């Protein structure tokens, strides 16, 4: 039995013999019976993890007393970014919780600590159906949640909570409500090694599971070499698991010593942070360059953790199962998830500031995405068929909140492409069709689709002609049941004439179907599409808009 198994309301704000303190709060109210085993679990974050000075959050379950929970904070990494001025001073506050809903609704009270009272307070995504009751001074809001796997923004709107030019939310607040943990490793079991700086590299390397207990763990301080190098990069071994307990704040890079081997796992309720590492385009960068913060092998799993502040991309791997992930970044190289064919991403929150997903035959479902100022939700990739075998993904039941795109650029939008003229959709042994359906976009976007060959930042074609028999096409795309609050520009759909070296072939954008698409109050049909889509007729064919 783990420490949480029979507790109704658990607070982990002090240490116990396993690094946790358990305070059971069992209220004597009528609806509670011996069959009620649900709980709310908070975690003992170290003060050096960074405690928010912009928000406080309180929770209450049933008749239990209200308790304050720690709110963590991340500060914008703006140096080197082309939107540095807009990023300066931004913060991202967040609260990780675990919750079992059978004990009743969870009441949450969020309090704004800075500036003036908000003009309004709202919870996003709207599809959760969470309504707020706000105090008259605009400084706090109360609302209830009755399900787990809920990842949402609490938006205190007001002049002091907007960036200067684009009016992005300046001080973000998100609450991450995970399911209760059911797979906590026994710290004393064979093969489980509890991490400490004085544990030998050989012991860590041989561990079946490396267990990070609550506390701050800067892997640069390990200093013993071997599995963790001097720069704090831990190399996952074949079949090895990392467990990050709730309250564990791990600063480091997770590399991979067995990329092609199955069975690796990174899980728990802790945080993996790359805040000690600078992006390669940061003018202060002097150290090694890392392509991602977490690299996992084939048939790996990433579950339950928070990953933030990567110096480059987010999670990279082969066929990977991802669930209940919380990921956020800051700069314009903070891609989200780049995993291989057959991968799944379910019940997660991702705030990427470059491409969220690559179109590598993946299945994404029930996720909340906060689109940063750069990158697409789904990209066909950068390069031709020899570089990327892209296609055949399914993205469904998705909420996109607070999108920060100011223009389409060369790679922004719901779906974008930067492919060479030899590209053609790839089916991974099956159909080549990519499907995006049941998607709700809350906010104003410059356009939805950004489908064209490789271009420069200004839109000029940057793809070299290829041999006539190598000219491909871009398409085999279905868009279904998508709503957008508003659009201020036009989607771009444009192929390339003279795509072959001899000038005889055209690279077409083709086989595109958009059904039941609504922008604002307008249903998109062939007639209404002209107001929202810029389609180059000579290089685009077989595109259909319908209300079915």
Protein backbone atom coordinates (compact mmCIF):
# COMPACT_ATOMS: atom_id res chain seq x y z
CA UNK A 1 0.00 0.00 0.00
CA UNK A 2 1.38 3.46 -0.87
CA UNK A 3 1.18 6.49 1.37
CA UNK A 4 -1.90 7.86 -0.40
CA UNK A 5 -4.10 4.79 -0.71
CA UNK A 6 -6.74 5.32 2.00
CA UNK A 7 -6.69 9.05 2.58
CA UNK A 8 -9.69 11.27 1.96
CA UNK A 9 -7.94 14.63 1.71
CA UNK A 10 -4.16 14.63 1.66
CA UNK A 11 -1.87 17.59 2.14
CA UNK A 12 1.79 17.03 1.43
CA UNK A 13 3.17 20.29 2.67
CA UNK A 14 5.64 18.81 5.14
CA UNK A 15 8.10 15.91 5.05
CA UNK A 16 7.39 12.35 6.25
CA UNK A 17 9.68 9.31 6.38
CA UNK A 18 9.17 8.95 2.63
CA UNK A 19 9.72 12.65 1.99
CA UNK A 20 6.03 13.43 2.40
CA UNK A 21 3.75 14.45 5.24
CA UNK A 22 0.23 13.10 5.13
CA UNK A 23 -2.47 15.03 6.95
CA UNK A 24 -5.79 13.24 6.73
CA UNK A 25 -8.80 15.48 6.88
CA UNK A 26 -12.01 13.48 7.19
CA UNK A 27 -15.05 15.69 7.58
CA UNK A 28 -18.13 14.31 9.34
CA UNK A 29 -20.74 15.28 6.81
CA UNK A 30 -23.75 13.28 5.75
CA UNK A 31 -22.76 12.15 2.27
CA UNK A 32 -19.43 10.63 3.33
CA UNK A 33 -19.46 6.88 3.77
CA UNK A 34 -16.81 4.24 4.17
CA UNK A 35 -16.91 3.71 0.40
CA UNK A 36 -15.56 7.22 -0.28
CA UNK A 37 -11.86 6.85 -1.02
CA UNK A 38 -11.25 9.88 -3.25
CA UNK A 39 -8.69 12.45 -2.22
CA UNK A 40 -7.02 15.68 -3.15
CA UNK A 41 -3.24 15.61 -3.09
CA UNK A 42 -0.95 18.62 -3.03
CA UNK A 43 2.83 18.55 -3.05
CA UNK A 44 5.71 20.01 -0.98
CA UNK A 45 7.59 22.11 -3.53
CA UNK A 46 10.96 23.48 -2.42
CA UNK A 47 11.09 27.25 -2.13
CA UNK A 48 13.99 27.35 -4.60
CA UNK A 49 11.67 25.96 -7.27
CA UNK A 50 10.15 29.43 -7.39
CA UNK A 51 6.94 30.30 -5.56
CA UNK A 52 4.58 32.68 -7.32
CA UNK A 53 4.29 36.28 -6.18
CA UNK A 54 1.48 37.00 -8.63
CA UNK A 55 -1.21 34.53 -7.50
CA UNK A 56 -2.36 32.52 -4.50
CA UNK A 57 -4.64 29.49 -4.76
CA UNK A 58 -6.81 27.80 -2.12
CA UNK A 59 -8.79 24.55 -2.36
CA UNK A 60 -11.57 22.85 -0.42
CA UNK A 61 -13.16 19.43 -0.85
CA UNK A 62 -16.51 18.66 0.75
CA UNK A 63 -16.70 19.80 4.37
CA UNK A 64 -12.92 19.85 4.85
CA UNK A 65 -11.30 23.17 5.76
CA UNK A 66 -9.97 25.34 2.97
CA UNK A 67 -6.21 24.95 2.49
CA UNK A 68 -3.71 27.02 0.56
CA UNK A 69 -1.62 25.25 -2.06
CA UNK A 70 1.75 26.30 -3.38
CA UNK A 71 1.77 28.09 -6.71
CA UNK A 72 4.95 27.65 -8.74
CA UNK A 73 6.23 30.26 -11.19
CA UNK A 74 8.38 30.38 -14.31
CA UNK A 75 9.83 33.61 -15.69
CA UNK A 76 10.08 34.36 -19.39
CA UNK A 77 13.29 33.56 -21.25
CA UNK A 78 13.25 36.37 -23.79
CA UNK A 79 16.83 37.04 -24.87
CA UNK A 80 17.45 36.25 -28.52
CA UNK A 81 13.77 35.84 -29.37
CA UNK A 82 12.37 38.00 -32.18
CA UNK A 83 9.53 38.99 -29.81
CA UNK A 84 11.83 39.69 -26.86
CA UNK A 85 10.24 43.03 -25.97
CA UNK A 86 6.79 41.46 -25.78
CA UNK A 87 8.10 38.56 -23.69
CA UNK A 88 9.97 40.66 -21.12
CA UNK A 89 8.43 40.42 -17.67
CA UNK A 90 5.96 37.65 -18.51
CA UNK A 91 5.40 34.88 -15.99
CA UNK A 92 3.68 31.51 -15.94
CA UNK A 93 2.25 30.46 -12.57
CA UNK A 94 0.96 26.93 -12.15
CA UNK A 95 -0.51 24.59 -9.56
CA UNK A 96 -0.15 20.80 -9.90
CA UNK A 97 -2.78 18.76 -8.02
CA UNK A 98 -4.05 15.19 -8.04
CA UNK A 99 -7.76 14.62 -7.49
CA UNK A 100 -10.28 11.82 -7.21
CA UNK A 101 -13.75 13.16 -8.07
CA UNK A 102 -15.88 10.55 -6.31
CA UNK A 103 -15.66 12.54 -3.06
CA UNK A 104 -17.44 15.48 -4.66
CA UNK A 105 -16.63 18.70 -6.44
CA UNK A 106 -13.36 20.49 -5.72
CA UNK A 107 -13.75 24.17 -4.88
CA UNK A 108 -10.88 26.43 -5.97
CA UNK A 109 -10.29 30.05 -4.99
CA UNK A 110 -7.70 31.99 -7.00
CA UNK A 111 -6.37 35.34 -5.78
CA UNK A 112 -4.60 38.01 -7.85
CA UNK A 113 -1.74 39.66 -5.95
CA UNK A 114 -0.47 42.29 -8.37
CA UNK A 115 -1.82 45.54 -9.79
CA UNK A 116 -5.47 46.45 -9.85
CA UNK A 117 -8.54 44.30 -9.61
CA UNK A 118 -9.47 42.47 -12.79
CA UNK A 119 -12.34 43.63 -14.96
CA UNK A 120 -13.38 39.99 -15.37
CA UNK A 121 -12.16 36.50 -14.50
CA UNK A 122 -12.70 33.49 -16.73
CA UNK A 123 -11.59 29.87 -16.98
CA UNK A 124 -10.38 28.39 -20.27
CA UNK A 125 -11.07 26.19 -22.16
CA UNK A 126 -14.74 27.06 -22.20
CA UNK A 127 -15.61 23.46 -23.10
CA UNK A 128 -15.00 22.51 -19.46
CA UNK A 129 -18.07 24.51 -18.53
CA UNK A 130 -16.41 26.08 -15.48
CA UNK A 131 -18.03 29.34 -14.39
CA UNK A 132 -16.50 31.72 -11.89
CA UNK A 133 -17.89 33.83 -9.08
CA UNK A 134 -15.70 36.91 -8.74
CA UNK A 135 -15.22 39.20 -5.77
CA UNK A 136 -16.43 42.76 -6.24
CA UNK A 137 -12.86 44.09 -6.13
CA UNK A 138 -11.80 41.81 -9.00
CA UNK A 139 -9.00 40.24 -6.99
CA UNK A 140 -10.32 36.74 -6.52
CA UNK A 141 -12.54 34.18 -8.17
CA UNK A 142 -14.17 30.99 -6.92
CA UNK A 143 -15.18 28.02 -9.05
CA UNK A 144 -15.60 24.27 -8.83
CA UNK A 145 -14.16 21.33 -10.75
CA UNK A 146 -15.66 17.86 -10.72
CA UNK A 147 -13.31 15.81 -12.93
CA UNK A 148 -9.61 14.99 -13.16
CA UNK A 149 -7.42 15.39 -16.24
CA UNK A 150 -8.45 19.03 -16.31
CA UNK A 151 -5.81 21.54 -17.36
CA UNK A 152 -6.99 25.12 -17.53
CA UNK A 153 -6.10 28.77 -17.49
CA UNK A 154 -7.57 31.23 -15.01
CA UNK A 155 -7.56 34.60 -16.75
CA UNK A 156 -7.69 37.77 -14.66
CA UNK A 157 -8.34 40.29 -17.42
CA UNK A 158 -7.21 43.87 -17.04
CA UNK A 159 -4.79 46.46 -18.38
CA UNK A 160 -2.03 45.40 -15.98
CA UNK A 161 -2.26 41.79 -17.18
CA UNK A 162 -1.60 42.42 -20.86
CA UNK A 163 1.62 42.72 -22.81
CA UNK A 164 2.24 46.16 -24.29
CA UNK A 165 1.70 45.61 -28.03
CA UNK A 166 -0.17 42.38 -28.64
CA UNK A 167 -2.17 42.20 -25.40
CA UNK A 168 -1.13 38.65 -24.62
CA UNK A 169 -1.75 37.58 -21.03
CA UNK A 170 1.27 38.90 -19.13
CA UNK A 171 0.98 36.89 -15.91
CA UNK A 172 -0.49 33.51 -16.78
CA UNK A 173 -2.08 31.18 -14.24
CA UNK A 174 -2.81 27.54 -14.94
CA UNK A 175 -4.18 24.84 -12.67
CA UNK A 176 -3.27 21.27 -13.56
CA UNK A 177 -5.58 18.64 -12.07
CA UNK A 178 -4.25 15.13 -12.62
CA UNK A 179 -5.89 11.84 -11.68
CA UNK A 180 -4.75 10.25 -8.45
CA UNK A 181 -1.55 8.27 -8.79
CA UNK A 182 -1.96 4.51 -8.88
CA UNK A 183 1.58 3.42 -9.69
CA UNK A 184 3.93 4.93 -7.11
CA UNK A 185 7.07 2.81 -6.83
CA UNK A 186 8.08 1.41 -3.46
CA UNK A 187 11.25 3.24 -2.47
CA UNK A 188 12.56 0.13 -0.75
CA UNK A 189 11.84 -2.34 -3.56
CA UNK A 190 14.62 -4.16 -5.38
CA UNK A 191 15.84 -2.16 -8.36
CA UNK A 192 14.56 1.17 -7.02
CA UNK A 193 17.31 3.67 -6.17
CA UNK A 194 16.41 6.92 -4.42
CA UNK A 195 18.46 9.69 -5.99
CA UNK A 196 20.96 11.60 -3.89
CA UNK A 197 24.13 13.44 -4.97
CA UNK A 198 26.31 10.91 -3.11
CA UNK A 199 24.91 7.83 -4.90
CA UNK A 200 27.53 6.30 -7.19
CA UNK A 201 27.08 6.46 -10.94
CA UNK A 202 27.27 2.67 -11.21
CA UNK A 203 24.37 2.26 -8.78
CA UNK A 204 22.25 4.78 -10.67
CA UNK A 205 23.12 3.21 -13.99
CA UNK A 206 22.08 -0.25 -12.79
CA UNK A 207 18.79 0.93 -11.25
CA UNK A 208 15.55 -0.27 -12.74
CA UNK A 209 13.94 2.92 -11.40
CA UNK A 210 15.67 6.11 -10.29
CA UNK A 211 13.37 7.74 -7.75
CA UNK A 212 13.61 11.52 -7.30
CA UNK A 213 12.06 12.41 -3.91
CA UNK A 214 10.54 15.81 -3.08
CA UNK A 215 13.11 18.58 -3.10
CA UNK A 216 15.32 20.54 -5.49
CA UNK A 217 17.67 18.39 -7.58
CA UNK A 218 20.13 20.37 -9.72
CA UNK A 219 21.82 17.61 -11.71
CA UNK A 220 24.80 19.85 -12.42
CA UNK A 221 25.66 19.40 -8.76
CA UNK A 222 25.96 15.61 -9.05
CA UNK A 223 29.68 15.86 -9.86
CA UNK A 224 30.44 12.13 -10.15
CA UNK A 225 30.34 11.73 -13.92
CA UNK A 226 29.11 8.58 -15.59
CA UNK A 227 25.35 8.45 -16.02
CA UNK A 228 25.06 12.18 -15.18
CA UNK A 229 27.68 14.37 -16.84
CA UNK A 230 29.11 17.58 -15.45
CA UNK A 231 26.51 19.66 -17.28
CA UNK A 232 23.65 17.78 -15.63
CA UNK A 233 22.59 15.54 -18.50
CA UNK A 234 21.26 12.21 -17.25
CA UNK A 235 21.47 9.39 -19.80
CA UNK A 236 18.54 6.98 -19.61
CA UNK A 237 19.61 3.35 -19.83
CA UNK A 238 17.87 0.47 -21.57
CA UNK A 239 14.54 -0.30 -19.90
CA UNK A 240 15.14 2.29 -17.18
CA UNK A 241 12.48 4.42 -15.49
CA UNK A 242 12.71 7.80 -13.82
CA UNK A 243 10.09 8.53 -11.19
CA UNK A 244 9.68 12.19 -10.22
CA UNK A 245 7.64 12.29 -7.02
CA UNK A 246 5.24 15.16 -6.48
CA UNK A 247 7.38 17.89 -4.93
CA UNK A 248 10.51 16.83 -6.84
CA UNK A 249 11.87 19.72 -8.90
CA UNK A 250 14.60 18.33 -11.16
CA UNK A 251 16.85 20.74 -13.04
CA UNK A 252 18.60 18.93 -15.86
CA UNK A 253 18.50 17.38 -19.31
CA UNK A 254 17.34 13.81 -19.90
CA UNK A 255 19.35 12.17 -22.68
CA UNK A 256 19.27 8.63 -23.94
CA UNK A 257 21.86 5.87 -24.00
CA UNK A 258 19.50 3.32 -25.60
CA UNK A 259 17.39 5.18 -28.17
CA UNK A 260 16.32 2.09 -30.10
CA UNK A 261 15.57 -0.03 -27.05
CA UNK A 262 12.05 -0.33 -25.61
CA UNK A 263 10.72 0.07 -22.12
CA UNK A 264 11.93 3.45 -20.86
CA UNK A 265 9.57 5.48 -18.75
CA UNK A 266 9.55 8.95 -17.15
CA UNK A 267 6.60 9.47 -14.81
CA UNK A 268 5.23 10.80 -11.54
CA UNK A 269 3.94 14.18 -10.47
CA UNK A 270 7.22 16.09 -10.27
CA UNK A 271 8.74 18.79 -12.48
CA UNK A 272 11.59 18.53 -14.99
CA UNK A 273 12.95 22.03 -15.61
CA UNK A 274 15.54 23.25 -18.11
CA UNK A 275 15.75 26.73 -16.63
CA UNK A 276 19.49 26.37 -15.91
CA UNK A 277 20.20 25.96 -19.64
CA UNK A 278 20.21 28.72 -22.24
CA UNK A 279 18.79 28.55 -25.73
CA UNK A 280 21.51 28.53 -28.39
CA UNK A 281 20.32 31.91 -29.76
CA UNK A 282 20.47 33.57 -26.36
CA UNK A 283 23.41 36.00 -26.56
CA UNK A 284 24.62 34.73 -23.17
CA UNK A 285 24.80 31.10 -24.34
CA UNK A 286 28.27 29.59 -23.97
CA UNK A 287 27.69 25.94 -23.15
CA UNK A 288 26.71 22.83 -25.06
CA UNK A 289 23.65 22.85 -27.32
CA UNK A 290 20.86 20.44 -26.50
CA UNK A 291 18.26 19.51 -29.10
CA UNK A 292 15.60 18.78 -26.48
CA UNK A 293 15.02 18.57 -22.74
CA UNK A 294 13.79 14.96 -22.74
CA UNK A 295 14.73 12.20 -25.18
CA UNK A 296 13.11 8.83 -24.74
CA UNK A 297 13.65 5.57 -26.58
CA UNK A 298 11.34 3.48 -28.72
CA UNK A 299 8.09 2.31 -27.09
CA UNK A 300 8.71 4.64 -24.16
CA UNK A 301 6.22 6.31 -21.83
CA UNK A 302 5.99 9.81 -20.39
CA UNK A 303 3.22 10.18 -17.82
CA UNK A 304 2.03 12.70 -15.28
CA UNK A 305 5.04 15.01 -15.03
CA UNK A 306 5.47 18.70 -15.78
CA UNK A 307 8.21 19.63 -18.26
CA UNK A 308 9.17 23.28 -18.62
CA UNK A 309 11.75 25.85 -19.67
CA UNK A 310 13.51 23.71 -22.27
CA UNK A 311 16.58 25.23 -23.93
CA UNK A 312 15.32 23.92 -27.29
CA UNK A 313 12.67 21.33 -28.22
CA UNK A 314 10.54 19.46 -25.70
CA UNK A 315 10.06 15.69 -25.84
CA UNK A 316 11.69 13.70 -28.64
CA UNK A 317 11.44 9.94 -29.09
CA UNK A 318 10.39 6.97 -31.15
CA UNK A 319 6.98 5.39 -30.72
CA UNK A 320 5.94 6.97 -27.43
CA UNK A 321 2.89 6.96 -25.17
CA UNK A 322 2.31 10.33 -23.48
CA UNK A 323 -0.46 10.99 -20.97
CA UNK A 324 -1.26 13.69 -18.40
CA UNK A 325 1.78 15.68 -19.47
CA UNK A 326 2.05 19.37 -18.67
CA UNK A 327 4.55 21.17 -20.90
CA UNK A 328 5.33 24.85 -21.40
CA UNK A 329 8.10 26.92 -22.94
CA UNK A 330 9.02 30.50 -23.74
CA UNK A 331 11.22 31.09 -26.78
CA UNK A 332 10.61 30.53 -30.47
CA UNK A 333 12.49 27.19 -30.62
CA UNK A 334 10.36 25.60 -27.90
CA UNK A 335 8.75 22.90 -30.04
CA UNK A 336 6.51 20.60 -28.04
CA UNK A 337 6.36 16.92 -28.99
CA UNK A 338 8.35 15.24 -31.78
CA UNK A 339 7.72 11.52 -31.49
CA UNK A 340 7.50 8.68 -34.00
CA UNK A 341 4.87 6.68 -35.82
CA UNK A 342 2.16 5.12 -33.71
CA UNK A 343 2.69 7.54 -30.81
CA UNK A 344 -0.19 8.77 -28.65
CA UNK A 345 -0.64 12.00 -26.70
CA UNK A 346 -3.72 11.96 -24.46
CA UNK A 347 -5.15 14.15 -21.66
CA UNK A 348 -2.35 16.71 -21.59
CA UNK A 349 -1.57 20.44 -21.58
CA UNK A 350 1.02 21.88 -23.95
CA UNK A 351 2.12 25.47 -24.38
CA UNK A 352 4.73 25.28 -27.13
CA UNK A 353 6.29 28.32 -28.78
CA UNK A 354 7.12 26.48 -31.96
CA UNK A 355 5.46 23.49 -33.58
CA UNK A 356 3.36 21.55 -31.07
CA UNK A 357 3.34 18.26 -33.00
CA UNK A 358 5.01 16.77 -36.07
CA UNK A 359 2.83 14.88 -38.53
CA UNK A 360 4.45 11.50 -37.97
CA UNK A 361 1.41 9.18 -37.85
CA UNK A 362 0.53 10.17 -34.27
CA UNK A 363 -2.79 10.23 -32.40
CA UNK A 364 -3.52 13.26 -30.21
CA UNK A 365 -6.74 13.41 -28.19
CA UNK A 366 -8.28 15.40 -25.33
CA UNK A 367 -5.54 17.98 -24.98
CA UNK A 368 -5.45 21.68 -24.16
CA UNK A 369 -2.99 23.71 -26.22
CA UNK A 370 -1.88 27.27 -25.56
CA UNK A 371 -0.33 28.39 -28.84
CA UNK A 372 2.68 30.64 -28.35
CA UNK A 373 3.78 33.29 -30.82
CA UNK A 374 5.64 30.92 -33.15
CA UNK A 375 4.93 27.57 -34.77
CA UNK A 376 1.97 25.47 -35.85
CA UNK A 377 -0.24 23.09 -33.94
CA UNK A 378 0.64 20.40 -36.52
CA UNK A 379 3.52 20.70 -38.96
CA UNK A 380 4.27 18.56 -41.97
CA UNK A 381 7.89 19.28 -41.19
CA UNK A 382 10.84 21.04 -42.72
CA UNK A 383 12.31 19.38 -45.79
CA UNK A 384 11.44 16.83 -48.46
CA UNK A 385 10.51 13.19 -48.48
CA UNK A 386 14.08 12.11 -47.78
CA UNK A 387 14.06 14.15 -44.58
CA UNK A 388 10.52 13.68 -43.28
CA UNK A 389 8.11 10.84 -43.93
CA UNK A 390 5.16 12.89 -42.74
CA UNK A 391 1.44 12.18 -42.79
CA UNK A 392 -1.40 10.01 -41.50
CA UNK A 393 -1.91 11.64 -38.07
CA UNK A 394 -5.18 12.04 -36.18
CA UNK A 395 -5.75 15.04 -33.91
CA UNK A 396 -9.16 15.17 -32.20
CA UNK A 397 -11.05 16.73 -29.31
CA UNK A 398 -8.68 19.63 -28.81
CA UNK A 399 -9.05 23.05 -27.19
CA UNK A 400 -6.68 25.81 -28.29
CA UNK A 401 -6.70 28.70 -25.83
CA UNK A 402 -5.27 32.24 -25.93
CA UNK A 403 -3.46 31.86 -29.31
CA UNK A 404 -0.61 34.34 -29.62
CA UNK A 405 0.04 34.22 -33.38
CA UNK A 406 0.08 37.75 -34.80
CA UNK A 407 0.60 36.64 -38.41
CA UNK A 408 0.87 33.39 -40.35
CA UNK A 409 4.58 33.84 -41.04
CA UNK A 410 6.10 30.78 -42.66
CA UNK A 411 5.05 28.20 -40.07
CA UNK A 412 2.14 29.39 -37.92
CA UNK A 413 -1.45 28.16 -37.90
CA UNK A 414 -3.50 25.09 -37.11
CA UNK A 415 -1.68 23.15 -39.85
CA UNK A 416 1.49 24.37 -41.55
CA UNK A 417 4.16 23.03 -43.86
CA UNK A 418 7.72 23.86 -44.80
CA UNK A 419 8.36 21.02 -47.23
CA UNK A 420 10.54 20.66 -50.30
CA UNK A 421 9.15 20.02 -53.75
CA UNK A 422 9.81 16.28 -53.58
CA UNK A 423 7.49 15.86 -50.60
CA UNK A 424 4.41 13.65 -50.79
CA UNK A 425 2.18 12.46 -47.91
CA UNK A 426 3.37 9.26 -46.30
CA UNK A 427 1.02 6.59 -44.99
CA UNK A 428 3.34 4.47 -42.83
CA UNK A 429 1.93 1.37 -44.46
CA UNK A 430 -1.66 2.65 -44.48
CA UNK A 431 -3.71 5.58 -45.72
CA UNK A 432 -1.91 8.89 -46.15
CA UNK A 433 -4.79 11.05 -44.92
CA UNK A 434 -4.23 13.41 -41.98
CA UNK A 435 -7.36 14.28 -39.96
CA UNK A 436 -8.01 17.13 -37.52
CA UNK A 437 -11.49 17.12 -36.00
CA UNK A 438 -13.53 18.45 -33.09
CA UNK A 439 -11.27 21.42 -32.43
CA UNK A 440 -12.24 24.59 -30.61
CA UNK A 441 -10.07 27.72 -30.90
CA UNK A 442 -10.68 30.45 -28.30
CA UNK A 443 -9.28 33.73 -29.53
CA UNK A 444 -8.36 35.53 -32.75
CA UNK A 445 -6.03 33.92 -35.27
CA UNK A 446 -4.42 35.29 -38.47
CA UNK A 447 -5.47 32.15 -40.36
CA UNK A 448 -6.00 28.44 -39.93
CA UNK A 449 -4.10 26.72 -42.73
CA UNK A 450 -0.60 27.62 -43.89
CA UNK A 451 -0.05 25.07 -46.64
CA UNK A 452 2.78 25.74 -49.07
CA UNK A 453 6.30 24.56 -49.90
CA UNK A 454 9.35 25.81 -48.03
CA UNK A 455 9.39 29.61 -47.83
CA UNK A 456 11.52 32.32 -46.33
CA UNK A 457 10.24 34.48 -43.52
CA UNK A 458 8.81 37.00 -45.99
CA UNK A 459 6.88 34.34 -47.90
CA UNK A 460 9.30 33.98 -50.82
CA UNK A 461 9.62 30.42 -52.15
CA UNK A 462 12.76 28.80 -50.78
CA UNK A 463 12.42 25.28 -52.21
CA UNK A 464 14.74 24.27 -55.02
CA UNK A 465 13.27 22.61 -58.14
CA UNK A 466 13.75 18.84 -58.37
CA UNK A 467 13.81 16.27 -61.16
CA UNK A 468 10.46 15.99 -62.94
CA UNK A 469 9.85 12.45 -61.71
CA UNK A 470 10.50 13.54 -58.11
CA UNK A 471 7.93 16.34 -57.91
CA UNK A 472 5.44 15.50 -55.16
CA UNK A 473 2.40 17.20 -53.67
CA UNK A 474 1.07 18.36 -50.31
CA UNK A 475 -2.37 17.42 -49.08
CA UNK A 476 -4.57 14.44 -48.22
CA UNK A 477 -5.94 16.52 -45.34
CA UNK A 478 -9.37 16.49 -43.66
CA UNK A 479 -10.52 19.27 -41.35
CA UNK A 480 -13.82 18.52 -39.55
CA UNK A 481 -15.90 20.27 -36.89
CA UNK A 482 -13.64 23.22 -36.12
CA UNK A 483 -14.78 26.47 -34.51
CA UNK A 484 -12.76 29.68 -34.25
CA UNK A 485 -13.77 32.77 -32.31
CA UNK A 486 -12.38 35.18 -34.91
CA UNK A 487 -9.89 35.49 -37.76
CA UNK A 488 -8.10 38.70 -38.75
CA UNK A 489 -6.41 37.52 -41.95
CA UNK A 490 -6.59 34.71 -44.47
CA UNK A 491 -5.34 31.15 -44.53
CA UNK A 492 -2.69 30.53 -47.17
CA UNK A 493 -2.94 27.59 -49.59
CA UNK A 494 -0.37 27.81 -52.36
CA UNK A 495 1.65 25.29 -54.34
CA UNK A 496 4.50 25.99 -56.76
CA UNK A 497 4.57 26.18 -60.54
CA UNK A 498 7.78 25.20 -62.32
CA UNK A 499 8.59 22.78 -59.53
CA UNK A 500 10.77 20.59 -61.75
CA UNK A 501 14.13 21.62 -63.11
CA UNK A 502 12.78 21.49 -66.65
CA UNK A 503 9.76 23.60 -65.68
CA UNK A 504 7.24 20.96 -66.75
CA UNK A 505 5.75 20.03 -63.38
CA UNK A 506 3.66 21.77 -60.72
CA UNK A 507 3.82 21.02 -57.02
CA UNK A 508 0.13 20.99 -56.10
CA UNK A 509 -1.68 21.44 -52.85
CA UNK A 510 -4.50 18.93 -53.31
CA UNK A 511 -7.10 16.70 -51.70
CA UNK A 512 -8.15 19.10 -48.93
CA UNK A 513 -11.57 18.74 -47.29
CA UNK A 514 -12.96 21.24 -44.78
CA UNK A 515 -16.36 20.30 -43.37
CA UNK A 516 -18.41 21.98 -40.65
CA UNK A 517 -15.87 24.77 -40.18
CA UNK A 518 -17.13 27.94 -38.48
CA UNK A 519 -15.19 31.18 -38.07
CA UNK A 520 -17.02 33.58 -35.79
CA UNK A 521 -20.63 33.32 -36.91
CA UNK A 522 -19.79 32.29 -40.48
CA UNK A 523 -20.09 28.72 -41.69
CA UNK A 524 -17.42 28.15 -44.33
CA UNK A 525 -18.67 27.06 -47.73
CA UNK A 526 -17.22 27.45 -51.20
CA UNK A 527 -18.91 30.85 -51.37
CA UNK A 528 -17.90 32.17 -47.94
CA UNK A 529 -14.38 30.73 -48.03
CA UNK A 530 -13.07 33.58 -50.20
CA UNK A 531 -13.21 35.92 -47.20
CA UNK A 532 -11.05 33.63 -45.07
CA UNK A 533 -8.79 31.66 -47.45
CA UNK A 534 -6.20 32.86 -49.97
CA UNK A 535 -6.07 30.00 -52.48
CA UNK A 536 -3.77 30.09 -55.50
CA UNK A 537 -5.98 28.52 -58.14
CA UNK A 538 -3.21 27.50 -60.54
CA UNK A 539 -1.37 25.40 -57.96
CA UNK A 540 -4.27 24.14 -55.81
CA UNK A 541 -6.82 21.50 -56.78
CA UNK A 542 -9.47 19.26 -55.26
CA UNK A 543 -10.27 21.44 -52.26
CA UNK A 544 -13.78 21.15 -50.83
CA UNK A 545 -15.66 23.28 -48.28
CA UNK A 546 -18.94 21.91 -46.97
CA UNK A 547 -21.34 22.27 -44.06
CA UNK A 548 -21.74 18.50 -43.68
